[in-house]
Amino acid sequence: MTAISSLAAAPSRFRQFYALTKPRVVQLIVFCALIGMVLAVPGLPSWADIRLAAIACAGIWLVAGAAAAFNCLVEKGIDARMRRTAWRPTARGELSDMQALSFSAVLCALGSWLLYAWVNPLTMWLTFATFVGYAVVYTVILKPLTPQNIVIGGASGAMPPVLGWAAMTGEVGPEAAILFLIIFLWTPPHFWALALYRVEDYRKSGLPMLPVTHGNEFTRLQVLLYTFILFAGCLLPFVYGMSSWIYLAAAVALSAGFCGYAWKLWRSYSDELARRTFRFSLIHLSLLFAALLVDHYLL
């Protein structure tokens, strides 16, 4: 009976550790890094390029998963008070602090070694700096300290295309900086749309999120203003010459749609509209980068 119980518990334990890596978030991170990799290689990639990109994606996934696990450990008390995160294994006490910390350390070490040995040192150090920026600077310092946490901490979330670019070229060019800027500007309206309809969760958690500290109306105005700035940022790939009219048409349509959602949210608020704005922000970024890919191969 003991052996059978152990076998039954194994998949459950695996799911608990896997949940710590925040799979959906990490998938988006790796996708954005992959965009940077593809755009860094002129024309169709060679088999050597594909191999390098695959190894880099694996290394970035491991370090990003480590950062997510560390975040779950640090915020287990906050997560337990929020309906959106109360299911996490650390919040439920299903995994101990030592288990979560060890898991994070192993993933970070393995991912860093993979990037250093098989990709290049620059990518490893940039990825590790992103880990520190998210897991320590944002999670431990900024998030509980200031309502501008997501603006400042958004720099870590905007790094994946830079990591991808560095992996393929061994340097960080202006094109990578433009991709960084787009995600950096996208993060506040994306996250604040979520915070608007999850405001009670954040109030219970004690975190100084913008809707809690400055109210619903002020936050809606910030979402609107950031979508306008984001619109301008999304035009930079065309202005700089790294994309053509194909991307420009998609960027204008998607950014106008995001601004439209933000305008309606500012004029007449509802939780349902905030949810739709949040969902559209995910569509916006995904299709924007997909348009960059299409444009890159049709040029």
C-alpha atoms as a PDB file:
ATOM      1  CA  MET A   1       0.000   0.000   0.000  1.00  0.00           C
ATOM      2  CA  THR A   2       2.872   2.380   0.829  1.00  0.00           C
ATOM      3  CA  ALA A   3       4.484   1.806  -2.566  1.00  0.00           C
ATOM      4  CA  ILE A   4       1.173   2.435  -4.343  1.00  0.00           C
ATOM      5  CA  SER A   5       0.632   5.634  -2.354  1.00  0.00           C
ATOM      6  CA  SER A   6       4.126   6.837  -3.253  1.00  0.00           C
ATOM      7  CA  LEU A   7       3.508   6.221  -6.950  1.00  0.00           C
ATOM      8  CA  ALA A   8       0.209   8.081  -6.779  1.00  0.00           C
ATOM      9  CA  ALA A   9       1.833  11.000  -4.969  1.00  0.00           C
ATOM     10  CA  ALA A  10       4.687  11.363  -7.475  1.00  0.00           C
ATOM     11  CA  PRO A  11       2.658  12.953 -10.310  1.00  0.00           C
ATOM     12  CA  SER A  12       0.972  15.228  -7.776  1.00  0.00           C
ATOM     13  CA  ARG A  13       4.338  16.396  -6.413  1.00  0.00           C
ATOM     14  CA  PHE A  14       5.584  16.967  -9.945  1.00  0.00           C
ATOM     15  CA  ARG A  15       2.521  19.128 -10.670  1.00  0.00           C
ATOM     16  CA  GLN A  16       3.172  21.125  -7.507  1.00  0.00           C
ATOM     17  CA  PHE A  17       6.749  21.941  -8.495  1.00  0.00           C
ATOM     18  CA  TYR A  18       5.670  22.620 -12.075  1.00  0.00           C
ATOM     19  CA  ALA A  19       3.002  25.048 -10.821  1.00  0.00           C
ATOM     20  CA  LEU A  20       5.712  27.041  -9.029  1.00  0.00           C
ATOM     21  CA  THR A  21       7.245  27.925 -12.411  1.00  0.00           C
ATOM     22  CA  LYS A  22       4.069  29.786 -13.477  1.00  0.00           C
ATOM     23  CA  PRO A  23       3.973  27.937 -16.836  1.00  0.00           C
ATOM     24  CA  ARG A  24       1.766  30.404 -18.728  1.00  0.00           C
ATOM     25  CA  VAL A  25       3.903  33.376 -17.744  1.00  0.00           C
ATOM     26  CA  VAL A  26       7.123  31.529 -18.586  1.00  0.00           C
ATOM     27  CA  GLN A  27       5.707  30.440 -21.954  1.00  0.00           C
ATOM     28  CA  LEU A  28       5.106  34.102 -22.837  1.00  0.00           C
ATOM     29  CA  ILE A  29       8.644  34.971 -21.689  1.00  0.00           C
ATOM     30  CA  VAL A  30      10.183  32.268 -23.868  1.00  0.00           C
ATOM     31  CA  PHE A  31       7.962  33.278 -26.805  1.00  0.00           C
ATOM     32  CA  CYS A  32       9.185  36.889 -26.557  1.00  0.00           C
ATOM     33  CA  ALA A  33      12.793  35.675 -26.285  1.00  0.00           C
ATOM     34  CA  LEU A  34      12.275  33.513 -29.367  1.00  0.00           C
ATOM     35  CA  ILE A  35      11.027  36.556 -31.270  1.00  0.00           C
ATOM     36  CA  GLY A  36      14.295  38.316 -30.437  1.00  0.00           C
ATOM     37  CA  MET A  37      16.245  35.282 -31.634  1.00  0.00           C
ATOM     38  CA  VAL A  38      14.413  35.038 -34.934  1.00  0.00           C
ATOM     39  CA  LEU A  39      14.644  38.750 -35.690  1.00  0.00           C
ATOM     40  CA  ALA A  40      18.375  38.711 -34.931  1.00  0.00           C
ATOM     41  CA  VAL A  41      19.050  36.202 -37.730  1.00  0.00           C
ATOM     42  CA  PRO A  42      18.752  37.599 -41.292  1.00  0.00           C
ATOM     43  CA  GLY A  43      16.683  35.380 -43.567  1.00  0.00           C
ATOM     44  CA  LEU A  44      15.979  31.736 -42.841  1.00  0.00           C
ATOM     45  CA  PRO A  45      17.916  30.250 -39.901  1.00  0.00           C
ATOM     46  CA  SER A  46      20.469  27.510 -40.413  1.00  0.00           C
ATOM     47  CA  TRP A  47      20.405  24.253 -38.445  1.00  0.00           C
ATOM     48  CA  ALA A  48      23.142  25.693 -36.248  1.00  0.00           C
ATOM     49  CA  ASP A  49      20.926  28.731 -35.556  1.00  0.00           C
ATOM     50  CA  ILE A  50      17.965  26.488 -34.714  1.00  0.00           C
ATOM     51  CA  ARG A  51      20.092  24.396 -32.351  1.00  0.00           C
ATOM     52  CA  LEU A  52      21.457  27.504 -30.623  1.00  0.00           C
ATOM     53  CA  ALA A  53      17.956  28.982 -30.294  1.00  0.00           C
ATOM     54  CA  ALA A  54      16.583  25.757 -28.802  1.00  0.00           C
ATOM     55  CA  ILE A  55      19.333  25.619 -26.168  1.00  0.00           C
ATOM     56  CA  ALA A  56      18.876  29.316 -25.368  1.00  0.00           C
ATOM     57  CA  CYS A  57      15.108  28.847 -24.988  1.00  0.00           C
ATOM     58  CA  ALA A  58      15.699  25.944 -22.592  1.00  0.00           C
ATOM     59  CA  GLY A  59      18.152  27.981 -20.505  1.00  0.00           C
ATOM     60  CA  ILE A  60      15.895  31.022 -20.383  1.00  0.00           C
ATOM     61  CA  TRP A  61      12.914  28.813 -19.457  1.00  0.00           C
ATOM     62  CA  LEU A  62      14.842  27.302 -16.549  1.00  0.00           C
ATOM     63  CA  VAL A  63      15.981  30.652 -15.124  1.00  0.00           C
ATOM     64  CA  ALA A  64      12.548  32.228 -15.634  1.00  0.00           C
ATOM     65  CA  GLY A  65      10.977  29.244 -13.878  1.00  0.00           C
ATOM     66  CA  ALA A  66      13.455  29.702 -11.027  1.00  0.00           C
ATOM     67  CA  ALA A  67      12.454  33.364 -10.665  1.00  0.00           C
ATOM     68  CA  ALA A  68       8.773  32.398 -10.629  1.00  0.00           C
ATOM     69  CA  ALA A  69       9.374  29.753  -7.946  1.00  0.00           C
ATOM     70  CA  PHE A  70      11.290  32.243  -5.808  1.00  0.00           C
ATOM     71  CA  ASN A  71       8.428  34.727  -6.231  1.00  0.00           C
ATOM     72  CA  CYS A  72       5.950  32.094  -5.017  1.00  0.00           C
ATOM     73  CA  LEU A  73       8.127  31.457  -1.962  1.00  0.00           C
ATOM     74  CA  VAL A  74       8.503  35.122  -1.007  1.00  0.00           C
ATOM     75  CA  GLU A  75       4.834  35.932  -1.577  1.00  0.00           C
ATOM     76  CA  LYS A  76       3.258  32.800  -0.117  1.00  0.00           C
ATOM     77  CA  GLY A  77       1.518  34.798   2.614  1.00  0.00           C
ATOM     78  CA  ILE A  78       0.180  37.349   0.136  1.00  0.00           C
ATOM     79  CA  ASP A  79      -0.849  34.609  -2.295  1.00  0.00           C
ATOM     80  CA  ALA A  80      -2.831  32.854   0.447  1.00  0.00           C
ATOM     81  CA  ARG A  81      -4.991  35.990   0.874  1.00  0.00           C
ATOM     82  CA  MET A  82      -5.755  36.402  -2.818  1.00  0.00           C
ATOM     83  CA  ARG A  83      -8.320  34.277  -4.623  1.00  0.00           C
ATOM     84  CA  ARG A  84      -6.305  34.416  -7.867  1.00  0.00           C
ATOM     85  CA  THR A  85      -3.207  32.886  -6.245  1.00  0.00           C
ATOM     86  CA  ALA A  86      -4.462  30.981  -3.177  1.00  0.00           C
ATOM     87  CA  TRP A  87      -4.179  27.674  -5.069  1.00  0.00           C
ATOM     88  CA  ARG A  88      -0.375  27.869  -5.403  1.00  0.00           C
ATOM     89  CA  PRO A  89       1.439  25.020  -3.583  1.00  0.00           C
ATOM     90  CA  THR A  90       3.482  27.408  -1.429  1.00  0.00           C
ATOM     91  CA  ALA A  91       0.375  29.363  -0.424  1.00  0.00           C
ATOM     92  CA  ARG A  92      -1.428  26.116   0.519  1.00  0.00           C
ATOM     93  CA  GLY A  93       1.573  24.813   2.461  1.00  0.00           C
ATOM     94  CA  GLU A  94       1.941  21.798   0.162  1.00  0.00           C
ATOM     95  CA  LEU A  95       5.627  22.572  -0.410  1.00  0.00           C
ATOM     96  CA  SER A  96       7.991  23.719   2.322  1.00  0.00           C
ATOM     97  CA  ASP A  97      10.154  26.841   2.086  1.00  0.00           C
ATOM     98  CA  MET A  98      13.275  24.708   1.717  1.00  0.00           C
ATOM     99  CA  GLN A  99      11.722  22.661  -1.093  1.00  0.00           C
ATOM    100  CA  ALA A 100      10.703  25.788  -3.003  1.00  0.00           C
ATOM    101  CA  LEU A 101      14.059  27.501  -2.421  1.00  0.00           C
ATOM    102  CA  SER A 102      16.040  24.404  -3.432  1.00  0.00           C
ATOM    103  CA  PHE A 103      13.922  23.961  -6.543  1.00  0.00           C
ATOM    104  CA  SER A 104      14.479  27.601  -7.522  1.00  0.00           C
ATOM    105  CA  ALA A 105      18.234  27.350  -6.907  1.00  0.00           C
ATOM    106  CA  VAL A 106      18.579  24.168  -8.984  1.00  0.00           C
ATOM    107  CA  LEU A 107      16.639  25.612 -11.926  1.00  0.00           C
ATOM    108  CA  CYS A 108      18.636  28.856 -11.822  1.00  0.00           C
ATOM    109  CA  ALA A 109      21.982  27.065 -11.611  1.00  0.00           C
ATOM    110  CA  LEU A 110      21.116  24.613 -14.392  1.00  0.00           C
ATOM    111  CA  GLY A 111      19.750  27.317 -16.691  1.00  0.00           C
ATOM    112  CA  SER A 112      22.727  29.617 -16.054  1.00  0.00           C
ATOM    113  CA  TRP A 113      25.201  26.809 -16.774  1.00  0.00           C
ATOM    114  CA  LEU A 114      23.367  25.920 -19.982  1.00  0.00           C
ATOM    115  CA  LEU A 115      23.447  29.516 -21.208  1.00  0.00           C
ATOM    116  CA  TYR A 116      27.085  30.101 -20.214  1.00  0.00           C
ATOM    117  CA  ALA A 117      28.469  26.855 -21.634  1.00  0.00           C
ATOM    118  CA  TRP A 118      26.332  26.423 -24.754  1.00  0.00           C
ATOM    119  CA  VAL A 119      25.158  29.915 -25.734  1.00  0.00           C
ATOM    120  CA  ASN A 120      27.406  32.769 -24.543  1.00  0.00           C
ATOM    121  CA  PRO A 121      28.378  34.480 -21.261  1.00  0.00           C
ATOM    122  CA  LEU A 122      26.548  37.722 -22.139  1.00  0.00           C
ATOM    123  CA  THR A 123      23.219  35.928 -22.407  1.00  0.00           C
ATOM    124  CA  MET A 124      23.849  34.120 -19.130  1.00  0.00           C
ATOM    125  CA  TRP A 125      24.668  37.326 -17.229  1.00  0.00           C
ATOM    126  CA  LEU A 126      21.738  39.228 -18.729  1.00  0.00           C
ATOM    127  CA  THR A 127      19.387  36.363 -17.850  1.00  0.00           C
ATOM    128  CA  PHE A 128      20.756  36.145 -14.322  1.00  0.00           C
ATOM    129  CA  ALA A 129      20.400  39.927 -13.936  1.00  0.00           C
ATOM    130  CA  THR A 130      16.780  39.552 -15.032  1.00  0.00           C
ATOM    131  CA  PHE A 131      16.310  36.870 -12.372  1.00  0.00           C
ATOM    132  CA  VAL A 132      17.679  39.226  -9.702  1.00  0.00           C
ATOM    133  CA  GLY A 133      15.606  42.109 -11.047  1.00  0.00           C
ATOM    134  CA  TYR A 134      12.353  40.158 -10.862  1.00  0.00           C
ATOM    135  CA  ALA A 135      12.902  37.876  -7.874  1.00  0.00           C
ATOM    136  CA  VAL A 136      14.678  40.371  -5.614  1.00  0.00           C
ATOM    137  CA  VAL A 137      14.368  43.988  -6.783  1.00  0.00           C
ATOM    138  CA  TYR A 138      10.721  43.722  -7.877  1.00  0.00           C
ATOM    139  CA  THR A 139       9.299  41.015  -5.600  1.00  0.00           C
ATOM    140  CA  VAL A 140      11.148  41.781  -2.364  1.00  0.00           C
ATOM    141  CA  ILE A 141      11.747  45.543  -2.611  1.00  0.00           C
ATOM    142  CA  LEU A 142       9.487  47.360  -5.082  1.00  0.00           C
ATOM    143  CA  LYS A 143       6.217  45.435  -4.955  1.00  0.00           C
ATOM    144  CA  PRO A 144       5.462  46.038  -1.256  1.00  0.00           C
ATOM    145  CA  LEU A 145       6.957  49.564  -1.300  1.00  0.00           C
ATOM    146  CA  THR A 146       5.474  51.643  -4.133  1.00  0.00           C
ATOM    147  CA  PRO A 147       2.371  51.704  -6.394  1.00  0.00           C
ATOM    148  CA  GLN A 148       4.800  52.317  -9.266  1.00  0.00           C
ATOM    149  CA  ASN A 149       6.231  48.818  -8.710  1.00  0.00           C
ATOM    150  CA  ILE A 150       4.958  47.468 -12.007  1.00  0.00           C
ATOM    151  CA  VAL A 151       6.420  50.405 -13.948  1.00  0.00           C
ATOM    152  CA  ILE A 152       9.926  50.073 -12.503  1.00  0.00           C
ATOM    153  CA  GLY A 153       9.815  46.290 -12.182  1.00  0.00           C
ATOM    154  CA  GLY A 154       8.519  46.037 -15.749  1.00  0.00           C
ATOM    155  CA  ALA A 155      12.116  46.334 -16.922  1.00  0.00           C
ATOM    156  CA  SER A 156      12.690  42.699 -15.923  1.00  0.00           C
ATOM    157  CA  GLY A 157       9.609  41.556 -17.806  1.00  0.00           C
ATOM    158  CA  ALA A 158      10.739  43.434 -20.903  1.00  0.00           C
ATOM    159  CA  MET A 159      14.109  41.676 -21.098  1.00  0.00           C
ATOM    160  CA  PRO A 160      13.233  38.435 -22.996  1.00  0.00           C
ATOM    161  CA  PRO A 161      13.704  39.821 -26.554  1.00  0.00           C
ATOM    162  CA  VAL A 162      17.041  41.286 -25.436  1.00  0.00           C
ATOM    163  CA  LEU A 163      18.071  37.873 -24.115  1.00  0.00           C
ATOM    164  CA  GLY A 164      17.055  36.270 -27.391  1.00  0.00           C
ATOM    165  CA  TRP A 165      18.960  38.832 -29.442  1.00  0.00           C
ATOM    166  CA  ALA A 166      22.075  38.435 -27.297  1.00  0.00           C
ATOM    167  CA  ALA A 167      21.870  34.641 -27.601  1.00  0.00           C
ATOM    168  CA  MET A 168      22.089  34.748 -31.390  1.00  0.00           C
ATOM    169  CA  THR A 169      24.459  37.693 -31.888  1.00  0.00           C
ATOM    170  CA  GLY A 170      26.526  37.935 -28.707  1.00  0.00           C
ATOM    171  CA  GLU A 171      25.583  41.606 -28.367  1.00  0.00           C
ATOM    172  CA  VAL A 172      22.642  43.900 -27.635  1.00  0.00           C
ATOM    173  CA  GLY A 173      21.738  46.083 -30.611  1.00  0.00           C
ATOM    174  CA  PRO A 174      19.284  48.979 -31.006  1.00  0.00           C
ATOM    175  CA  GLU A 175      16.694  46.587 -32.445  1.00  0.00           C
ATOM    176  CA  ALA A 176      16.704  44.637 -29.178  1.00  0.00           C
ATOM    177  CA  ALA A 177      16.319  47.910 -27.267  1.00  0.00           C
ATOM    178  CA  ILE A 178      13.227  48.760 -29.328  1.00  0.00           C
ATOM    179  CA  LEU A 179      11.643  45.386 -28.540  1.00  0.00           C
ATOM    180  CA  PHE A 180      12.483  45.953 -24.868  1.00  0.00           C
ATOM    181  CA  LEU A 181      10.808  49.373 -24.943  1.00  0.00           C
ATOM    182  CA  ILE A 182       7.603  47.995 -26.468  1.00  0.00           C
ATOM    183  CA  ILE A 183       7.150  45.400 -23.709  1.00  0.00           C
ATOM    184  CA  PHE A 184       8.208  47.926 -21.050  1.00  0.00           C
ATOM    185  CA  LEU A 185       5.467  50.335 -22.174  1.00  0.00           C
ATOM    186  CA  TRP A 186       2.930  47.516 -22.609  1.00  0.00           C
ATOM    187  CA  THR A 187       3.319  46.157 -19.074  1.00  0.00           C
ATOM    188  CA  PRO A 188       1.602  48.926 -17.004  1.00  0.00           C
ATOM    189  CA  PRO A 189      -1.700  49.103 -18.940  1.00  0.00           C
ATOM    190  CA  HIS A 190      -1.756  45.307 -19.183  1.00  0.00           C
ATOM    191  CA  PHE A 191      -1.209  44.776 -15.462  1.00  0.00           C
ATOM    192  CA  TRP A 192      -3.329  47.693 -14.220  1.00  0.00           C
ATOM    193  CA  ALA A 193      -6.303  46.435 -16.233  1.00  0.00           C
ATOM    194  CA  LEU A 194      -6.010  43.211 -14.226  1.00  0.00           C
ATOM    195  CA  ALA A 195      -5.519  45.107 -10.960  1.00  0.00           C
ATOM    196  CA  LEU A 196      -8.695  47.139 -11.564  1.00  0.00           C
ATOM    197  CA  TYR A 197     -11.023  44.155 -11.394  1.00  0.00           C
ATOM    198  CA  ARG A 198      -8.882  42.363  -8.799  1.00  0.00           C
ATOM    199  CA  VAL A 199      -8.641  45.415  -6.546  1.00  0.00           C
ATOM    200  CA  GLU A 200     -10.228  43.752  -3.508  1.00  0.00           C
ATOM    201  CA  ASP A 201      -7.707  40.922  -3.702  1.00  0.00           C
ATOM    202  CA  TYR A 202      -4.856  43.437  -3.669  1.00  0.00           C
ATOM    203  CA  ARG A 203      -6.493  45.405  -0.870  1.00  0.00           C
ATOM    204  CA  LYS A 204      -6.637  42.252   1.273  1.00  0.00           C
ATOM    205  CA  SER A 205      -3.033  41.419   0.416  1.00  0.00           C
ATOM    206  CA  GLY A 206      -1.780  44.768   1.694  1.00  0.00           C
ATOM    207  CA  LEU A 207       0.160  45.485  -1.498  1.00  0.00           C
ATOM    208  CA  PRO A 208       0.176  49.160  -2.563  1.00  0.00           C
ATOM    209  CA  MET A 209      -1.156  48.564  -6.057  1.00  0.00           C
ATOM    210  CA  LEU A 210      -2.255  51.662  -7.963  1.00  0.00           C
ATOM    211  CA  PRO A 211      -6.048  51.049  -7.786  1.00  0.00           C
ATOM    212  CA  VAL A 212      -5.721  50.590  -4.014  1.00  0.00           C
ATOM    213  CA  THR A 213      -3.557  53.658  -3.327  1.00  0.00           C
ATOM    214  CA  HIS A 214      -4.876  56.096  -5.951  1.00  0.00           C
ATOM    215  CA  GLY A 215      -8.313  54.761  -6.789  1.00  0.00           C
ATOM    216  CA  ASN A 216     -10.143  53.389  -9.789  1.00  0.00           C
ATOM    217  CA  GLU A 217     -10.488  56.611 -11.802  1.00  0.00           C
ATOM    218  CA  PHE A 218      -6.811  57.585 -11.555  1.00  0.00           C
ATOM    219  CA  THR A 219      -5.731  54.088 -12.566  1.00  0.00           C
ATOM    220  CA  ARG A 220      -8.036  54.114 -15.595  1.00  0.00           C
ATOM    221  CA  LEU A 221      -6.492  57.414 -16.697  1.00  0.00           C
ATOM    222  CA  GLN A 222      -3.003  55.921 -16.361  1.00  0.00           C
ATOM    223  CA  VAL A 223      -4.054  52.919 -18.468  1.00  0.00           C
ATOM    224  CA  LEU A 224      -5.325  55.274 -21.178  1.00  0.00           C
ATOM    225  CA  LEU A 225      -2.197  57.448 -21.179  1.00  0.00           C
ATOM    226  CA  TYR A 226       0.114  54.453 -21.308  1.00  0.00           C
ATOM    227  CA  THR A 227      -1.745  52.982 -24.285  1.00  0.00           C
ATOM    228  CA  PHE A 228      -1.166  56.254 -26.157  1.00  0.00           C
ATOM    229  CA  ILE A 229       2.554  56.136 -25.354  1.00  0.00           C
ATOM    230  CA  LEU A 230       2.616  52.442 -26.263  1.00  0.00           C
ATOM    231  CA  PHE A 231       1.031  53.261 -29.636  1.00  0.00           C
ATOM    232  CA  ALA A 232       3.992  55.524 -30.414  1.00  0.00           C
ATOM    233  CA  GLY A 233       6.457  52.886 -29.172  1.00  0.00           C
ATOM    234  CA  CYS A 234       4.946  50.229 -31.404  1.00  0.00           C
ATOM    235  CA  LEU A 235       5.728  52.372 -34.465  1.00  0.00           C
ATOM    236  CA  LEU A 236       9.477  52.393 -33.741  1.00  0.00           C
ATOM    237  CA  PRO A 237      10.325  49.128 -35.571  1.00  0.00           C
ATOM    238  CA  PHE A 238       8.975  50.703 -38.773  1.00  0.00           C
ATOM    239  CA  VAL A 239      10.551  54.107 -38.111  1.00  0.00           C
ATOM    240  CA  TYR A 240      13.953  52.524 -37.415  1.00  0.00           C
ATOM    241  CA  GLY A 241      13.740  50.374 -40.543  1.00  0.00           C
ATOM    242  CA  MET A 242      13.622  46.927 -38.968  1.00  0.00           C
ATOM    243  CA  SER A 243      10.134  46.259 -40.391  1.00  0.00           C
ATOM    244  CA  SER A 244       7.995  47.214 -43.363  1.00  0.00           C
ATOM    245  CA  TRP A 245       4.413  48.273 -44.082  1.00  0.00           C
ATOM    246  CA  ILE A 246       3.128  44.817 -43.170  1.00  0.00           C
ATOM    247  CA  TYR A 247       4.138  45.273 -39.551  1.00  0.00           C
ATOM    248  CA  LEU A 248       3.074  48.928 -39.545  1.00  0.00           C
ATOM    249  CA  ALA A 249      -0.479  48.057 -40.576  1.00  0.00           C
ATOM    250  CA  ALA A 250      -0.746  45.425 -37.839  1.00  0.00           C
ATOM    251  CA  ALA A 251       0.813  47.740 -35.221  1.00  0.00           C
ATOM    252  CA  VAL A 252      -1.594  50.578 -36.019  1.00  0.00           C
ATOM    253  CA  ALA A 253      -4.659  48.304 -35.969  1.00  0.00           C
ATOM    254  CA  LEU A 254      -3.703  46.499 -32.758  1.00  0.00           C
ATOM    255  CA  SER A 255      -2.586  49.642 -30.911  1.00  0.00           C
ATOM    256  CA  ALA A 256      -5.720  51.519 -31.982  1.00  0.00           C
ATOM    257  CA  GLY A 257      -7.749  48.606 -30.611  1.00  0.00           C
ATOM    258  CA  PHE A 258      -5.895  48.744 -27.289  1.00  0.00           C
ATOM    259  CA  CYS A 259      -6.422  52.512 -27.095  1.00  0.00           C
ATOM    260  CA  GLY A 260     -10.098  51.968 -27.879  1.00  0.00           C
ATOM    261  CA  TYR A 261     -10.487  49.551 -24.983  1.00  0.00           C
ATOM    262  CA  ALA A 262      -8.608  51.930 -22.678  1.00  0.00           C
ATOM    263  CA  TRP A 263     -10.795  54.866 -23.790  1.00  0.00           C
ATOM    264  CA  LYS A 264     -14.002  52.964 -23.080  1.00  0.00           C
ATOM    265  CA  LEU A 265     -12.579  51.801 -19.752  1.00  0.00           C
ATOM    266  CA  TRP A 266     -11.768  55.410 -18.806  1.00  0.00           C
ATOM    267  CA  ARG A 267     -15.186  56.745 -19.821  1.00  0.00           C
ATOM    268  CA  SER A 268     -17.367  54.006 -18.345  1.00  0.00           C
ATOM    269  CA  TYR A 269     -15.887  51.419 -16.004  1.00  0.00           C
ATOM    270  CA  SER A 270     -17.062  47.862 -15.412  1.00  0.00           C
ATOM    271  CA  ASP A 271     -15.236  44.798 -14.180  1.00  0.00           C
ATOM    272  CA  GLU A 272     -16.191  42.963 -17.370  1.00  0.00           C
ATOM    273  CA  LEU A 273     -14.707  45.711 -19.540  1.00  0.00           C
ATOM    274  CA  ALA A 274     -11.507  45.637 -17.453  1.00  0.00           C
ATOM    275  CA  ARG A 275     -11.323  41.870 -18.038  1.00  0.00           C
ATOM    276  CA  ARG A 276     -11.771  42.345 -21.779  1.00  0.00           C
ATOM    277  CA  THR A 277      -9.093  45.050 -21.782  1.00  0.00           C
ATOM    278  CA  PHE A 278      -6.700  42.722 -19.971  1.00  0.00           C
ATOM    279  CA  ARG A 279      -7.405  39.874 -22.403  1.00  0.00           C
ATOM    280  CA  PHE A 280      -6.984  42.156 -25.403  1.00  0.00           C
ATOM    281  CA  SER A 281      -3.611  43.305 -24.063  1.00  0.00           C
ATOM    282  CA  LEU A 282      -2.398  39.698 -24.340  1.00  0.00           C
ATOM    283  CA  ILE A 283      -3.750  39.466 -27.890  1.00  0.00           C
ATOM    284  CA  HIS A 284      -2.116  42.814 -28.699  1.00  0.00           C
ATOM    285  CA  LEU A 285       1.395  41.741 -27.713  1.00  0.00           C
ATOM    286  CA  SER A 286       1.134  38.258 -29.211  1.00  0.00           C
ATOM    287  CA  LEU A 287      -0.144  39.443 -32.602  1.00  0.00           C
ATOM    288  CA  LEU A 288       2.214  42.419 -32.640  1.00  0.00           C
ATOM    289  CA  PHE A 289       5.220  40.127 -32.343  1.00  0.00           C
ATOM    290  CA  ALA A 290       3.680  37.644 -34.763  1.00  0.00           C
ATOM    291  CA  ALA A 291       3.397  40.501 -37.264  1.00  0.00           C
ATOM    292  CA  LEU A 292       7.092  41.243 -36.746  1.00  0.00           C
ATOM    293  CA  LEU A 293       7.850  37.609 -37.596  1.00  0.00           C
ATOM    294  CA  VAL A 294       5.695  37.610 -40.730  1.00  0.00           C
ATOM    295  CA  ASP A 295       7.222  40.892 -41.828  1.00  0.00           C
ATOM    296  CA  HIS A 296      10.744  39.599 -41.169  1.00  0.00           C
ATOM    297  CA  TYR A 297      10.326  36.613 -43.489  1.00  0.00           C
ATOM    298  CA  LEU A 298       8.390  38.419 -46.222  1.00  0.00           C
ATOM    299  CA  LEU A 299      10.879  41.272 -46.549  1.00  0.00           C
END
